[in-house]
Amino acid sequence: DYYSGGGSGHLSGDVVSAAKGIKDEAQSLGIDVVTSFSNEVEAGVHAAKQADVAIVVAGTTSGESRDRVDLNLDDDADKLIGAVQRAATTIVLVQAPGAVVMPWRDS
C-alpha cells in the first residue's frame, strides 16, 4: 500500500486514499470529478479529455528487508502519465518512499 511504507511505518485506522481526499474536497467546492481507477493508458486519456485538469496518482513501495529493484514508478505509470499529459493539463501526485525517476517531468 502506497500510503504506509510497510513495517514500522505502517498506518492503521481511518486512512483516506488520495483519490477519496481529492474527490471529497473538490466536490465540497462544487467541482465535478471524473475518475479512472485503471492503469490503462486509454482509460486515463479518456478521463483526462473530460476534465480541465487531470490528477494522476502514482507510486512505488519498499519495505523493511525489501529493496526497490529500480527508481521507476510501479505499473508502468510513466507511460500513463506521459499520455495523460498530452491530453490535459496534468498534476502528478507521487507516493514513494524515496527518489523516483520522472521522464515526463519537463513535458
Protein backbone atom coordinates (compact mmCIF):
# COMPACT_ATOMS: atom_id res chain seq x y z
CA ASP A 1 0.00 0.00 0.00
CA TYR A 2 1.38 3.35 -1.07
CA TYR A 3 0.38 5.40 1.97
CA SER A 4 2.03 3.43 4.73
CA GLY A 5 5.52 2.39 3.79
CA GLY A 6 5.17 -1.01 5.43
CA GLY A 7 7.00 -2.22 8.50
CA SER A 8 7.20 0.23 11.38
CA GLY A 9 5.80 2.98 9.14
CA HIS A 10 2.52 1.15 8.59
CA LEU A 11 -0.62 3.24 9.18
CA SER A 12 -3.84 1.97 10.64
CA GLY A 13 -7.19 3.49 11.43
CA ASP A 14 -9.10 5.86 9.18
CA VAL A 15 -6.65 6.26 6.30
CA VAL A 16 -8.01 8.40 3.46
CA SER A 17 -6.81 7.48 -0.01
CA ALA A 18 -5.54 10.24 -2.29
CA ALA A 19 -8.47 9.68 -4.65
CA LYS A 20 -11.07 9.98 -1.88
CA GLY A 21 -9.44 13.04 -0.33
CA ILE A 22 -9.20 14.84 -3.68
CA LYS A 23 -12.73 13.90 -4.69
CA ASP A 24 -14.29 14.89 -1.36
CA GLU A 25 -12.55 18.28 -1.32
CA ALA A 26 -13.34 19.03 -4.97
CA GLN A 27 -16.99 18.12 -4.54
CA SER A 28 -17.24 20.32 -1.43
CA LEU A 29 -16.17 23.19 -3.68
CA GLY A 30 -18.73 22.30 -6.35
CA ILE A 31 -16.20 20.80 -8.73
CA ASP A 32 -17.29 17.79 -10.80
CA VAL A 33 -14.84 14.90 -10.63
CA VAL A 34 -14.23 12.31 -13.35
CA THR A 35 -12.28 9.24 -12.25
CA SER A 36 -10.45 6.36 -13.83
CA PHE A 37 -9.11 3.79 -11.38
CA SER A 38 -7.28 1.93 -14.11
CA ASN A 39 -3.61 1.82 -15.09
CA GLU A 40 -4.71 1.52 -18.72
CA VAL A 41 -3.45 4.42 -20.80
CA GLU A 42 -6.57 4.58 -22.95
CA ALA A 43 -8.87 4.84 -19.90
CA GLY A 44 -6.70 7.56 -18.35
CA VAL A 45 -6.61 9.61 -21.53
CA HIS A 46 -10.38 9.25 -21.93
CA ALA A 47 -10.96 10.58 -18.40
CA ALA A 48 -8.41 13.38 -18.87
CA LYS A 49 -10.11 14.62 -22.03
CA GLN A 50 -13.28 15.16 -19.98
CA ALA A 51 -11.52 17.38 -17.44
CA ASP A 52 -9.95 20.82 -17.20
CA VAL A 53 -7.14 19.37 -15.08
CA ALA A 54 -6.04 15.76 -14.68
CA ILE A 55 -4.52 14.44 -11.46
CA VAL A 56 -2.56 11.21 -11.80
CA VAL A 57 -1.75 9.41 -8.56
CA ALA A 58 1.21 7.05 -8.95
CA GLY A 59 3.62 5.42 -6.60
CA THR A 60 6.06 2.74 -5.66
CA THR A 61 6.75 0.84 -2.47
CA SER A 62 9.52 -0.70 -0.47
CA GLY A 63 9.69 -2.11 2.99
CA GLU A 64 11.92 -3.49 5.64
CA SER A 65 14.21 -6.13 4.11
CA ARG A 66 12.76 -5.47 0.66
CA ASP A 67 14.68 -3.08 -1.60
CA ARG A 68 13.28 -1.50 -4.72
CA VAL A 69 14.56 -3.02 -7.95
CA ASP A 70 14.88 0.40 -9.62
CA LEU A 71 13.75 4.02 -9.26
CA ASN A 72 10.73 3.70 -11.56
CA LEU A 73 7.12 4.10 -10.51
CA ASP A 74 5.07 0.89 -10.35
CA ASP A 75 2.77 -0.48 -13.07
CA ASP A 76 4.37 1.43 -15.96
CA ALA A 77 2.95 4.66 -14.52
CA ASP A 78 5.38 6.80 -16.54
CA LYS A 79 3.64 5.70 -19.74
CA LEU A 80 0.23 6.62 -18.31
CA ILE A 81 1.47 10.00 -17.03
CA GLY A 82 3.03 10.89 -20.39
CA ALA A 83 -0.15 10.05 -22.28
CA VAL A 84 -2.40 11.95 -19.87
CA GLN A 85 -0.08 14.99 -20.08
CA ARG A 86 -0.62 15.07 -23.83
CA ALA A 87 -4.41 15.08 -23.29
CA ALA A 88 -4.83 17.66 -20.50
CA THR A 89 -3.04 19.91 -18.04
CA THR A 90 -1.75 17.40 -15.52
CA ILE A 91 -0.78 17.30 -11.87
CA VAL A 92 1.14 14.23 -10.72
CA LEU A 93 0.91 13.08 -7.11
CA VAL A 94 3.73 10.64 -6.38
CA GLN A 95 3.56 8.44 -3.30
CA ALA A 96 7.01 6.94 -2.89
CA PRO A 97 9.43 6.02 -0.10
CA GLY A 98 12.33 7.76 -1.80
CA ALA A 99 13.64 9.09 -5.08
CA VAL A 100 11.95 8.22 -8.37
CA VAL A 101 12.83 8.96 -11.98
CA MET A 102 10.41 11.30 -13.74
CA PRO A 103 10.93 11.11 -17.50
CA TRP A 104 7.75 13.17 -18.02
CA ARG A 105 8.82 15.98 -15.69
CA ASP A 106 9.72 18.58 -18.32
CA SER A 107 6.90 17.71 -20.73
